[in-house]
All heavy atoms as atom14 arrays in JSON, in Angstrom:
{
  "sequence": "CGAGVAYQLINYYADRYGETFNQSKKVVESKYLAFAALATVCDVMELI",
  "atom14_mask": [
    [1, 1, 1, 1, 1, 1, 0, 0, 0, 0, 0, 0, 0, 0],
    [1, 1, 1, 1, 0, 0, 0, 0, 0, 0, 0, 0, 0, 0],
    [1, 1, 1, 1, 1, 0, 0, 0, 0, 0, 0, 0, 0, 0],
    [1, 1, 1, 1, 0, 0, 0, 0, 0, 0, 0, 0, 0, 0],
    [1, 1, 1, 1, 1, 1, 1, 0, 0, 0, 0, 0, 0, 0],
    [1, 1, 1, 1, 1, 0, 0, 0, 0, 0, 0, 0, 0, 0],
    [1, 1, 1, 1, 1, 1, 1, 1, 1, 1, 1, 1, 0, 0],
    [1, 1, 1, 1, 1, 1, 1, 1, 1, 0, 0, 0, 0, 0],
    [1, 1, 1, 1, 1, 1, 1, 1, 0, 0, 0, 0, 0, 0],
    [1, 1, 1, 1, 1, 1, 1, 1, 0, 0, 0, 0, 0, 0],
    [1, 1, 1, 1, 1, 1, 1, 1, 0, 0, 0, 0, 0, 0],
    [1, 1, 1, 1, 1, 1, 1, 1, 1, 1, 1, 1, 0, 0],
    [1, 1, 1, 1, 1, 1, 1, 1, 1, 1, 1, 1, 0, 0],
    [1, 1, 1, 1, 1, 0, 0, 0, 0, 0, 0, 0, 0, 0],
    [1, 1, 1, 1, 1, 1, 1, 1, 0, 0, 0, 0, 0, 0],
    [1, 1, 1, 1, 1, 1, 1, 1, 1, 1, 1, 0, 0, 0],
    [1, 1, 1, 1, 1, 1, 1, 1, 1, 1, 1, 1, 0, 0],
    [1, 1, 1, 1, 0, 0, 0, 0, 0, 0, 0, 0, 0, 0],
    [1, 1, 1, 1, 1, 1, 1, 1, 1, 0, 0, 0, 0, 0],
    [1, 1, 1, 1, 1, 1, 1, 0, 0, 0, 0, 0, 0, 0],
    [1, 1, 1, 1, 1, 1, 1, 1, 1, 1, 1, 0, 0, 0],
    [1, 1, 1, 1, 1, 1, 1, 1, 0, 0, 0, 0, 0, 0],
    [1, 1, 1, 1, 1, 1, 1, 1, 1, 0, 0, 0, 0, 0],
    [1, 1, 1, 1, 1, 1, 0, 0, 0, 0, 0, 0, 0, 0],
    [1, 1, 1, 1, 1, 1, 1, 1, 1, 0, 0, 0, 0, 0],
    [1, 1, 1, 1, 1, 1, 1, 1, 1, 0, 0, 0, 0, 0],
    [1, 1, 1, 1, 1, 1, 1, 0, 0, 0, 0, 0, 0, 0],
    [1, 1, 1, 1, 1, 1, 1, 0, 0, 0, 0, 0, 0, 0],
    [1, 1, 1, 1, 1, 1, 1, 1, 1, 0, 0, 0, 0, 0],
    [1, 1, 1, 1, 1, 1, 0, 0, 0, 0, 0, 0, 0, 0],
    [1, 1, 1, 1, 1, 1, 1, 1, 1, 0, 0, 0, 0, 0],
    [1, 1, 1, 1, 1, 1, 1, 1, 1, 1, 1, 1, 0, 0],
    [1, 1, 1, 1, 1, 1, 1, 1, 0, 0, 0, 0, 0, 0],
    [1, 1, 1, 1, 1, 0, 0, 0, 0, 0, 0, 0, 0, 0],
    [1, 1, 1, 1, 1, 1, 1, 1, 1, 1, 1, 0, 0, 0],
    [1, 1, 1, 1, 1, 0, 0, 0, 0, 0, 0, 0, 0, 0],
    [1, 1, 1, 1, 1, 0, 0, 0, 0, 0, 0, 0, 0, 0],
    [1, 1, 1, 1, 1, 1, 1, 1, 0, 0, 0, 0, 0, 0],
    [1, 1, 1, 1, 1, 0, 0, 0, 0, 0, 0, 0, 0, 0],
    [1, 1, 1, 1, 1, 1, 1, 0, 0, 0, 0, 0, 0, 0],
    [1, 1, 1, 1, 1, 1, 1, 0, 0, 0, 0, 0, 0, 0],
    [1, 1, 1, 1, 1, 1, 0, 0, 0, 0, 0, 0, 0, 0],
    [1, 1, 1, 1, 1, 1, 1, 1, 0, 0, 0, 0, 0, 0],
    [1, 1, 1, 1, 1, 1, 1, 0, 0, 0, 0, 0, 0, 0],
    [1, 1, 1, 1, 1, 1, 1, 1, 0, 0, 0, 0, 0, 0],
    [1, 1, 1, 1, 1, 1, 1, 1, 1, 0, 0, 0, 0, 0],
    [1, 1, 1, 1, 1, 1, 1, 1, 0, 0, 0, 0, 0, 0],
    [1, 1, 1, 1, 1, 1, 1, 1, 0, 0, 0, 0, 0, 0]
  ],
  "atom14_positions": [
    [[2.35, -1.23, -10.47], [1.0, -1.22, -11.05], [0.2, -0.09, -10.4], [0.7, 0.63, -9.52], [0.31, -2.56, -10.84], [-0.07, -2.95, -9.1], [0.0, 0.0, 0.0], [0.0, 0.0, 0.0], [0.0, 0.0, 0.0], [0.0, 0.0, 0.0], [0.0, 0.0, 0.0], [0.0, 0.0, 0.0], [0.0, 0.0, 0.0], [0.0, 0.0, 0.0]],
    [[-1.05, 0.08, -10.8], [-1.88, 1.14, -10.24], [-2.05, 1.0, -8.74], [-2.0, 1.99, -7.99], [0.0, 0.0, 0.0], [0.0, 0.0, 0.0], [0.0, 0.0, 0.0], [0.0, 0.0, 0.0], [0.0, 0.0, 0.0], [0.0, 0.0, 0.0], [0.0, 0.0, 0.0], [0.0, 0.0, 0.0], [0.0, 0.0, 0.0], [0.0, 0.0, 0.0]],
    [[-2.25, -0.23, -8.28], [-2.41, -0.46, -6.84], [-1.11, -0.23, -6.1], [-1.12, 0.17, -4.93], [-2.92, -1.89, -6.59], [0.0, 0.0, 0.0], [0.0, 0.0, 0.0], [0.0, 0.0, 0.0], [0.0, 0.0, 0.0], [0.0, 0.0, 0.0], [0.0, 0.0, 0.0], [0.0, 0.0, 0.0], [0.0, 0.0, 0.0], [0.0, 0.0, 0.0]],
    [[0.03, -0.45, -6.77], [1.32, -0.16, -6.15], [1.49, 1.33, -5.92], [1.99, 1.76, -4.87], [0.0, 0.0, 0.0], [0.0, 0.0, 0.0], [0.0, 0.0, 0.0], [0.0, 0.0, 0.0], [0.0, 0.0, 0.0], [0.0, 0.0, 0.0], [0.0, 0.0, 0.0], [0.0, 0.0, 0.0], [0.0, 0.0, 0.0], [0.0, 0.0, 0.0]],
    [[1.06, 2.14, -6.89], [1.12, 3.6, -6.73], [0.18, 4.03, -5.61], [0.55, 4.84, -4.74], [0.75, 4.3, -8.05], [0.7, 5.81, -7.86], [1.75, 3.93, -9.16], [0.0, 0.0, 0.0], [0.0, 0.0, 0.0], [0.0, 0.0, 0.0], [0.0, 0.0, 0.0], [0.0, 0.0, 0.0], [0.0, 0.0, 0.0], [0.0, 0.0, 0.0]],
    [[-1.04, 3.48, -5.59], [-2.0, 3.82, -4.54], [-1.46, 3.41, -3.16], [-1.62, 4.15, -2.18], [-3.34, 3.12, -4.81], [0.0, 0.0, 0.0], [0.0, 0.0, 0.0], [0.0, 0.0, 0.0], [0.0, 0.0, 0.0], [0.0, 0.0, 0.0], [0.0, 0.0, 0.0], [0.0, 0.0, 0.0], [0.0, 0.0, 0.0], [0.0, 0.0, 0.0]],
    [[-0.82, 2.25, -3.09], [-0.26, 1.76, -1.84], [0.83, 2.69, -1.32], [0.88, 3.0, -0.12], [0.31, 0.35, -2.05], [0.91, -0.28, -0.82], [0.1, -0.78, 0.19], [2.29, -0.37, -0.68], [0.65, -1.36, 1.33], [2.85, -0.95, 0.44], [2.03, -1.44, 1.44], [2.58, -2.01, 2.56], [0.0, 0.0, 0.0], [0.0, 0.0, 0.0]],
    [[1.68, 3.18, -2.2], [2.73, 4.1, -1.77], [2.13, 5.45, -1.35], [2.66, 6.1, -0.43], [3.76, 4.3, -2.89], [4.76, 3.15, -3.0], [5.67, 3.07, -1.78], [5.21, 2.78, -0.67], [6.95, 3.32, -1.98], [0.0, 0.0, 0.0], [0.0, 0.0, 0.0], [0.0, 0.0, 0.0], [0.0, 0.0, 0.0], [0.0, 0.0, 0.0]],
    [[1.06, 5.87, -1.99], [0.41, 7.12, -1.6], [-0.14, 7.03, -0.17], [0.08, 7.92, 0.66], [-0.7, 7.48, -2.59], [-1.36, 8.84, -2.36], [-1.64, 9.54, -3.68], [-2.67, 8.71, -1.57], [0.0, 0.0, 0.0], [0.0, 0.0, 0.0], [0.0, 0.0, 0.0], [0.0, 0.0, 0.0], [0.0, 0.0, 0.0], [0.0, 0.0, 0.0]],
    [[-0.82, 5.94, 0.14], [-1.37, 5.82, 1.5], [-0.27, 5.56, 2.52], [-0.4, 5.91, 3.69], [-2.49, 4.76, 1.6], [-1.95, 3.34, 1.38], [-3.63, 5.06, 0.63], [-2.95, 2.25, 1.75], [0.0, 0.0, 0.0], [0.0, 0.0, 0.0], [0.0, 0.0, 0.0], [0.0, 0.0, 0.0], [0.0, 0.0, 0.0], [0.0, 0.0, 0.0]],
    [[0.84, 4.95, 2.09], [1.98, 4.77, 2.98], [2.49, 6.13, 3.45], [2.74, 6.34, 4.65], [3.11, 4.03, 2.25], [3.27, 2.6, 2.73], [3.06, 2.3, 3.91], [3.64, 1.71, 1.83], [0.0, 0.0, 0.0], [0.0, 0.0, 0.0], [0.0, 0.0, 0.0], [0.0, 0.0, 0.0], [0.0, 0.0, 0.0], [0.0, 0.0, 0.0]],
    [[2.65, 7.05, 2.5], [3.14, 8.38, 2.86], [2.1, 9.09, 3.72], [2.45, 9.73, 4.73], [3.43, 9.21, 1.61], [3.89, 10.62, 1.95], [5.23, 10.87, 2.24], [2.98, 11.67, 2.03], [5.66, 12.15, 2.58], [3.39, 12.94, 2.37], [4.72, 13.18, 2.65], [5.14, 14.44, 3.01], [0.0, 0.0, 0.0], [0.0, 0.0, 0.0]],
    [[0.84, 9.01, 3.34], [-0.2, 9.71, 4.09], [-0.27, 9.21, 5.53], [-0.38, 10.0, 6.48], [-1.56, 9.54, 3.41], [-2.61, 10.51, 3.91], [-2.88, 11.68, 3.22], [-3.32, 10.26, 5.09], [-3.84, 12.58, 3.68], [-4.26, 11.15, 5.56], [-4.52, 12.31, 4.85], [-5.45, 13.2, 5.32], [0.0, 0.0, 0.0], [0.0, 0.0, 0.0]],
    [[-0.18, 7.89, 5.7], [-0.23, 7.32, 7.05], [0.95, 7.79, 7.88], [0.8, 8.1, 9.08], [-0.24, 5.79, 6.97], [0.0, 0.0, 0.0], [0.0, 0.0, 0.0], [0.0, 0.0, 0.0], [0.0, 0.0, 0.0], [0.0, 0.0, 0.0], [0.0, 0.0, 0.0], [0.0, 0.0, 0.0], [0.0, 0.0, 0.0], [0.0, 0.0, 0.0]],
    [[2.11, 7.86, 7.26], [3.3, 8.3, 7.97], [3.23, 9.78, 8.36], [3.68, 10.18, 9.43], [4.53, 8.04, 7.09], [5.84, 8.16, 7.86], [5.92, 7.62, 8.97], [6.77, 8.8, 7.34], [0.0, 0.0, 0.0], [0.0, 0.0, 0.0], [0.0, 0.0, 0.0], [0.0, 0.0, 0.0], [0.0, 0.0, 0.0], [0.0, 0.0, 0.0]],
    [[2.62, 10.57, 7.47], [2.58, 12.02, 7.68], [1.39, 12.48, 8.52], [1.5, 13.36, 9.35], [2.53, 12.7, 6.3], [2.49, 14.22, 6.33], [3.83, 14.81, 6.68], [3.84, 16.26, 6.54], [3.32, 17.1, 7.44], [2.78, 16.63, 8.54], [3.36, 18.4, 7.24], [0.0, 0.0, 0.0], [0.0, 0.0, 0.0], [0.0, 0.0, 0.0]],
    [[0.23, 11.83, 8.29], [-0.99, 12.33, 8.93], [-1.76, 11.26, 9.72], [-2.81, 11.55, 10.28], [-1.96, 12.87, 7.87], [-1.37, 13.92, 6.97], [-1.02, 13.61, 5.65], [-1.19, 15.23, 7.42], [-0.49, 14.59, 4.81], [-0.66, 16.21, 6.58], [-0.31, 15.87, 5.28], [0.21, 16.84, 4.45], [0.0, 0.0, 0.0], [0.0, 0.0, 0.0]],
    [[-1.25, 10.04, 9.77], [-2.06, 8.94, 10.28], [-2.09, 8.76, 11.78], [-2.87, 7.96, 12.29], [0.0, 0.0, 0.0], [0.0, 0.0, 0.0], [0.0, 0.0, 0.0], [0.0, 0.0, 0.0], [0.0, 0.0, 0.0], [0.0, 0.0, 0.0], [0.0, 0.0, 0.0], [0.0, 0.0, 0.0], [0.0, 0.0, 0.0], [0.0, 0.0, 0.0]],
    [[-1.25, 9.48, 12.51], [-1.15, 9.25, 13.96], [-2.49, 9.45, 14.67], [-2.86, 8.68, 15.56], [-0.09, 10.18, 14.55], [0.22, 9.88, 16.02], [1.36, 10.73, 16.55], [2.25, 11.13, 15.75], [1.35, 11.01, 17.74], [0.0, 0.0, 0.0], [0.0, 0.0, 0.0], [0.0, 0.0, 0.0], [0.0, 0.0, 0.0], [0.0, 0.0, 0.0]],
    [[-3.23, 10.47, 14.26], [-4.52, 10.76, 14.9], [-5.48, 9.59, 14.81], [-6.25, 9.3, 15.72], [-5.17, 12.0, 14.26], [-4.25, 13.08, 14.33], [-6.46, 12.37, 14.97], [0.0, 0.0, 0.0], [0.0, 0.0, 0.0], [0.0, 0.0, 0.0], [0.0, 0.0, 0.0], [0.0, 0.0, 0.0], [0.0, 0.0, 0.0], [0.0, 0.0, 0.0]],
    [[-5.41, 8.87, 13.69], [-6.33, 7.76, 13.46], [-5.65, 6.4, 13.67], [-6.17, 5.37, 13.27], [-6.9, 7.83, 12.04], [-7.82, 8.99, 11.83], [-7.32, 10.23, 11.46], [-9.19, 8.87, 12.03], [-8.16, 11.32, 11.26], [-10.03, 9.94, 11.83], [-9.53, 11.17, 11.45], [0.0, 0.0, 0.0], [0.0, 0.0, 0.0], [0.0, 0.0, 0.0]],
    [[-4.46, 6.41, 14.28], [-3.72, 5.19, 14.56], [-3.45, 4.38, 13.29], [-3.55, 3.17, 13.27], [-4.48, 4.32, 15.59], [-3.57, 3.26, 16.22], [-2.36, 3.47, 16.35], [-4.15, 2.15, 16.6], [0.0, 0.0, 0.0], [0.0, 0.0, 0.0], [0.0, 0.0, 0.0], [0.0, 0.0, 0.0], [0.0, 0.0, 0.0], [0.0, 0.0, 0.0]],
    [[-3.15, 5.1, 12.21], [-2.86, 4.46, 10.93], [-1.36, 4.56, 10.65], [-0.89, 5.49, 10.01], [-3.66, 5.13, 9.8], [-5.15, 4.81, 9.83], [-5.44, 3.43, 9.23], [-4.57, 2.57, 9.18], [-6.67, 3.23, 8.82], [0.0, 0.0, 0.0], [0.0, 0.0, 0.0], [0.0, 0.0, 0.0], [0.0, 0.0, 0.0], [0.0, 0.0, 0.0]],
    [[-0.61, 3.61, 11.13], [0.83, 3.59, 10.91], [1.14, 2.83, 9.63], [0.28, 2.17, 9.06], [1.53, 2.9, 12.08], [1.16, 1.53, 12.12], [0.0, 0.0, 0.0], [0.0, 0.0, 0.0], [0.0, 0.0, 0.0], [0.0, 0.0, 0.0], [0.0, 0.0, 0.0], [0.0, 0.0, 0.0], [0.0, 0.0, 0.0], [0.0, 0.0, 0.0]],
    [[2.41, 2.91, 9.19], [2.82, 2.14, 8.02], [2.63, 0.64, 8.26], [2.32, -0.12, 7.34], [4.28, 2.44, 7.68], [4.48, 3.76, 6.95], [5.9, 3.87, 6.43], [6.07, 5.11, 5.57], [7.43, 5.21, 4.99], [0.0, 0.0, 0.0], [0.0, 0.0, 0.0], [0.0, 0.0, 0.0], [0.0, 0.0, 0.0], [0.0, 0.0, 0.0]],
    [[2.81, 0.22, 9.51], [2.64, -1.2, 9.84], [1.2, -1.63, 9.64], [0.92, -2.72, 9.12], [3.08, -1.45, 11.29], [3.13, -2.92, 11.68], [3.72, -3.09, 13.08], [3.81, -4.57, 13.44], [4.38, -4.76, 14.8], [0.0, 0.0, 0.0], [0.0, 0.0, 0.0], [0.0, 0.0, 0.0], [0.0, 0.0, 0.0], [0.0, 0.0, 0.0]],
    [[0.26, -0.78, 10.04], [-1.17, -1.08, 9.85], [-1.49, -1.1, 8.36], [-2.21, -1.98, 7.87], [-2.05, -0.05, 10.58], [-3.52, -0.25, 10.23], [-1.84, -0.13, 12.08], [0.0, 0.0, 0.0], [0.0, 0.0, 0.0], [0.0, 0.0, 0.0], [0.0, 0.0, 0.0], [0.0, 0.0, 0.0], [0.0, 0.0, 0.0], [0.0, 0.0, 0.0]],
    [[-0.95, -0.15, 7.61], [-1.17, -0.1, 6.16], [-0.71, -1.39, 5.51], [-1.4, -1.98, 4.68], [-0.44, 1.11, 5.55], [-0.38, 1.0, 4.03], [-1.16, 2.4, 5.93], [0.0, 0.0, 0.0], [0.0, 0.0, 0.0], [0.0, 0.0, 0.0], [0.0, 0.0, 0.0], [0.0, 0.0, 0.0], [0.0, 0.0, 0.0], [0.0, 0.0, 0.0]],
    [[0.48, -1.86, 5.88], [1.0, -3.09, 5.29], [0.11, -4.28, 5.62], [-0.2, -5.1, 4.74], [2.43, -3.35, 5.78], [3.05, -4.6, 5.18], [4.51, -4.78, 5.56], [5.28, -3.82, 5.39], [4.87, -5.89, 6.01], [0.0, 0.0, 0.0], [0.0, 0.0, 0.0], [0.0, 0.0, 0.0], [0.0, 0.0, 0.0], [0.0, 0.0, 0.0]],
    [[-0.33, -4.4, 6.85], [-1.12, -5.55, 7.25], [-2.49, -5.58, 6.57], [-3.05, -6.64, 6.32], [-1.3, -5.57, 8.77], [-2.11, -4.49, 9.2], [0.0, 0.0, 0.0], [0.0, 0.0, 0.0], [0.0, 0.0, 0.0], [0.0, 0.0, 0.0], [0.0, 0.0, 0.0], [0.0, 0.0, 0.0], [0.0, 0.0, 0.0], [0.0, 0.0, 0.0]],
    [[-3.03, -4.4, 6.23], [-4.38, -4.34, 5.66], [-4.38, -4.28, 4.13], [-5.33, -4.77, 3.5], [-5.11, -3.1, 6.2], [-5.47, -3.19, 7.67], [-6.13, -1.92, 8.17], [-7.52, -1.75, 7.59], [-8.2, -0.58, 8.2], [0.0, 0.0, 0.0], [0.0, 0.0, 0.0], [0.0, 0.0, 0.0], [0.0, 0.0, 0.0], [0.0, 0.0, 0.0]],
    [[-3.34, -3.7, 3.53], [-3.45, -3.39, 2.11], [-2.37, -4.0, 1.22], [-2.51, -4.0, -0.01], [-3.45, -1.87, 1.91], [-4.58, -1.19, 2.66], [-4.32, -0.4, 3.78], [-5.9, -1.37, 2.27], [-5.35, 0.21, 4.48], [-6.94, -0.77, 2.97], [-6.66, 0.02, 4.08], [-7.69, 0.6, 4.77], [0.0, 0.0, 0.0], [0.0, 0.0, 0.0]],
    [[-1.28, -4.51, 1.79], [-0.22, -5.08, 0.96], [-0.71, -6.26, 0.15], [-0.31, -6.46, -1.0], [0.98, -5.51, 1.83], [2.19, -6.04, 1.05], [2.76, -4.98, 0.12], [3.28, -6.53, 2.01], [0.0, 0.0, 0.0], [0.0, 0.0, 0.0], [0.0, 0.0, 0.0], [0.0, 0.0, 0.0], [0.0, 0.0, 0.0], [0.0, 0.0, 0.0]],
    [[-1.62, -7.05, 0.71], [-2.17, -8.21, 0.0], [-2.8, -7.78, -1.33], [-2.65, -8.46, -2.36], [-3.21, -8.92, 0.87], [0.0, 0.0, 0.0], [0.0, 0.0, 0.0], [0.0, 0.0, 0.0], [0.0, 0.0, 0.0], [0.0, 0.0, 0.0], [0.0, 0.0, 0.0], [0.0, 0.0, 0.0], [0.0, 0.0, 0.0], [0.0, 0.0, 0.0]],
    [[-3.49, -6.64, -1.31], [-4.19, -6.17, -2.51], [-3.21, -5.59, -3.53], [-3.42, -5.73, -4.73], [-5.27, -5.16, -2.11], [-6.36, -5.78, -1.29], [-6.28, -5.78, 0.1], [-7.43, -6.41, -1.9], [-7.27, -6.38, 0.86], [-8.42, -7.01, -1.15], [-8.34, -7.0, 0.24], [0.0, 0.0, 0.0], [0.0, 0.0, 0.0], [0.0, 0.0, 0.0]],
    [[-2.15, -4.96, -3.05], [-1.12, -4.46, -3.97], [-0.42, -5.64, -4.66], [-0.13, -5.58, -5.86], [-0.1, -3.62, -3.21], [0.0, 0.0, 0.0], [0.0, 0.0, 0.0], [0.0, 0.0, 0.0], [0.0, 0.0, 0.0], [0.0, 0.0, 0.0], [0.0, 0.0, 0.0], [0.0, 0.0, 0.0], [0.0, 0.0, 0.0], [0.0, 0.0, 0.0]],
    [[-0.18, -6.71, -3.92], [0.46, -7.9, -4.49], [-0.44, -8.59, -5.5], [-0.01, -8.99, -6.58], [0.85, -8.87, -3.37], [0.0, 0.0, 0.0], [0.0, 0.0, 0.0], [0.0, 0.0, 0.0], [0.0, 0.0, 0.0], [0.0, 0.0, 0.0], [0.0, 0.0, 0.0], [0.0, 0.0, 0.0], [0.0, 0.0, 0.0], [0.0, 0.0, 0.0]],
    [[-1.71, -8.75, -5.13], [-2.68, -9.39, -6.03], [-2.77, -8.63, -7.35], [-2.76, -9.23, -8.43], [-4.04, -9.43, -5.33], [-5.19, -10.18, -6.01], [-4.83, -11.63, -6.26], [-6.45, -10.08, -5.16], [0.0, 0.0, 0.0], [0.0, 0.0, 0.0], [0.0, 0.0, 0.0], [0.0, 0.0, 0.0], [0.0, 0.0, 0.0], [0.0, 0.0, 0.0]],
    [[-2.82, -7.31, -7.27], [-2.91, -6.49, -8.47], [-1.63, -6.57, -9.3], [-1.68, -6.62, -10.53], [-3.19, -5.04, -8.09], [0.0, 0.0, 0.0], [0.0, 0.0, 0.0], [0.0, 0.0, 0.0], [0.0, 0.0, 0.0], [0.0, 0.0, 0.0], [0.0, 0.0, 0.0], [0.0, 0.0, 0.0], [0.0, 0.0, 0.0], [0.0, 0.0, 0.0]],
    [[-0.47, -6.6, -8.63], [0.81, -6.67, -9.34], [0.89, -7.92, -10.18], [1.3, -7.89, -11.35], [1.97, -6.64, -8.33], [1.91, -5.41, -7.58], [3.31, -6.72, -9.04], [0.0, 0.0, 0.0], [0.0, 0.0, 0.0], [0.0, 0.0, 0.0], [0.0, 0.0, 0.0], [0.0, 0.0, 0.0], [0.0, 0.0, 0.0], [0.0, 0.0, 0.0]],
    [[0.48, -9.05, -9.62], [0.49, -10.33, -10.35], [-0.53, -10.31, -11.48], [-0.21, -10.65, -12.63], [0.22, -11.5, -9.4], [0.05, -12.8, -10.19], [1.34, -11.64, -8.38], [0.0, 0.0, 0.0], [0.0, 0.0, 0.0], [0.0, 0.0, 0.0], [0.0, 0.0, 0.0], [0.0, 0.0, 0.0], [0.0, 0.0, 0.0], [0.0, 0.0, 0.0]],
    [[-1.75, -9.9, -11.18], [-2.83, -9.99, -12.17], [-2.72, -8.97, -13.28], [-3.27, -9.17, -14.36], [-4.19, -9.87, -11.47], [-4.54, -11.24, -10.37], [0.0, 0.0, 0.0], [0.0, 0.0, 0.0], [0.0, 0.0, 0.0], [0.0, 0.0, 0.0], [0.0, 0.0, 0.0], [0.0, 0.0, 0.0], [0.0, 0.0, 0.0], [0.0, 0.0, 0.0]],
    [[-1.99, -7.88, -13.05], [-1.76, -6.91, -14.12], [-0.5, -7.27, -14.9], [-0.04, -6.48, -15.74], [-1.64, -5.49, -13.55], [-2.34, -4.46, -14.43], [-3.46, -4.74, -14.9], [-1.79, -3.36, -14.63], [0.0, 0.0, 0.0], [0.0, 0.0, 0.0], [0.0, 0.0, 0.0], [0.0, 0.0, 0.0], [0.0, 0.0, 0.0], [0.0, 0.0, 0.0]],
    [[0.05, -8.45, -14.63], [1.21, -9.01, -15.34], [2.38, -8.04, -15.35], [3.03, -7.8, -16.37], [0.84, -9.43, -16.8], [1.84, -10.44, -17.33], [-0.55, -10.04, -16.87], [0.0, 0.0, 0.0], [0.0, 0.0, 0.0], [0.0, 0.0, 0.0], [0.0, 0.0, 0.0], [0.0, 0.0, 0.0], [0.0, 0.0, 0.0], [0.0, 0.0, 0.0]],
    [[2.64, -7.46, -14.17], [3.81, -6.59, -14.04], [5.06, -7.46, -13.89], [4.99, -8.6, -13.42], [3.67, -5.68, -12.82], [2.37, -4.89, -12.77], [2.0, -3.97, -14.28], [3.31, -2.76, -14.27], [0.0, 0.0, 0.0], [0.0, 0.0, 0.0], [0.0, 0.0, 0.0], [0.0, 0.0, 0.0], [0.0, 0.0, 0.0], [0.0, 0.0, 0.0]],
    [[6.2, -6.91, -14.3], [7.44, -7.66, -14.17], [7.79, -7.84, -12.69], [7.76, -6.87, -11.92], [8.59, -6.93, -14.86], [8.53, -7.02, -16.37], [9.86, -6.64, -17.02], [10.4, -5.59, -16.64], [10.34, -7.4, -17.88], [0.0, 0.0, 0.0], [0.0, 0.0, 0.0], [0.0, 0.0, 0.0], [0.0, 0.0, 0.0], [0.0, 0.0, 0.0]],
    [[8.11, -9.07, -12.31], [8.42, -9.36, -10.91], [9.91, -9.14, -10.67], [10.68, -10.06, -10.37], [8.0, -10.78, -10.56], [6.49, -11.05, -10.69], [6.15, -12.43, -10.19], [5.68, -9.99, -9.98], [0.0, 0.0, 0.0], [0.0, 0.0, 0.0], [0.0, 0.0, 0.0], [0.0, 0.0, 0.0], [0.0, 0.0, 0.0], [0.0, 0.0, 0.0]],
    [[10.27, -7.87, -10.79], [11.63, -7.43, -10.54], [11.58, -6.25, -9.58], [10.52, -5.67, -9.34], [12.35, -7.01, -11.84], [11.58, -5.88, -12.54], [12.49, -8.2, -12.78], [12.26, -5.33, -13.77], [0.0, 0.0, 0.0], [0.0, 0.0, 0.0], [0.0, 0.0, 0.0], [0.0, 0.0, 0.0], [0.0, 0.0, 0.0], [0.0, 0.0, 0.0]]
  ]
}
């Protein structure tokens, strides 16, 4: 879904540029995965 694309974009950015701001992939998952999941369900995406 749209939030899934946004989530992957910030995943890459955190991995590439996030060290200065202590934004690791682990931090991204803990803060934003909930919203990617919520959007995936509510946008009726296939759960595959």
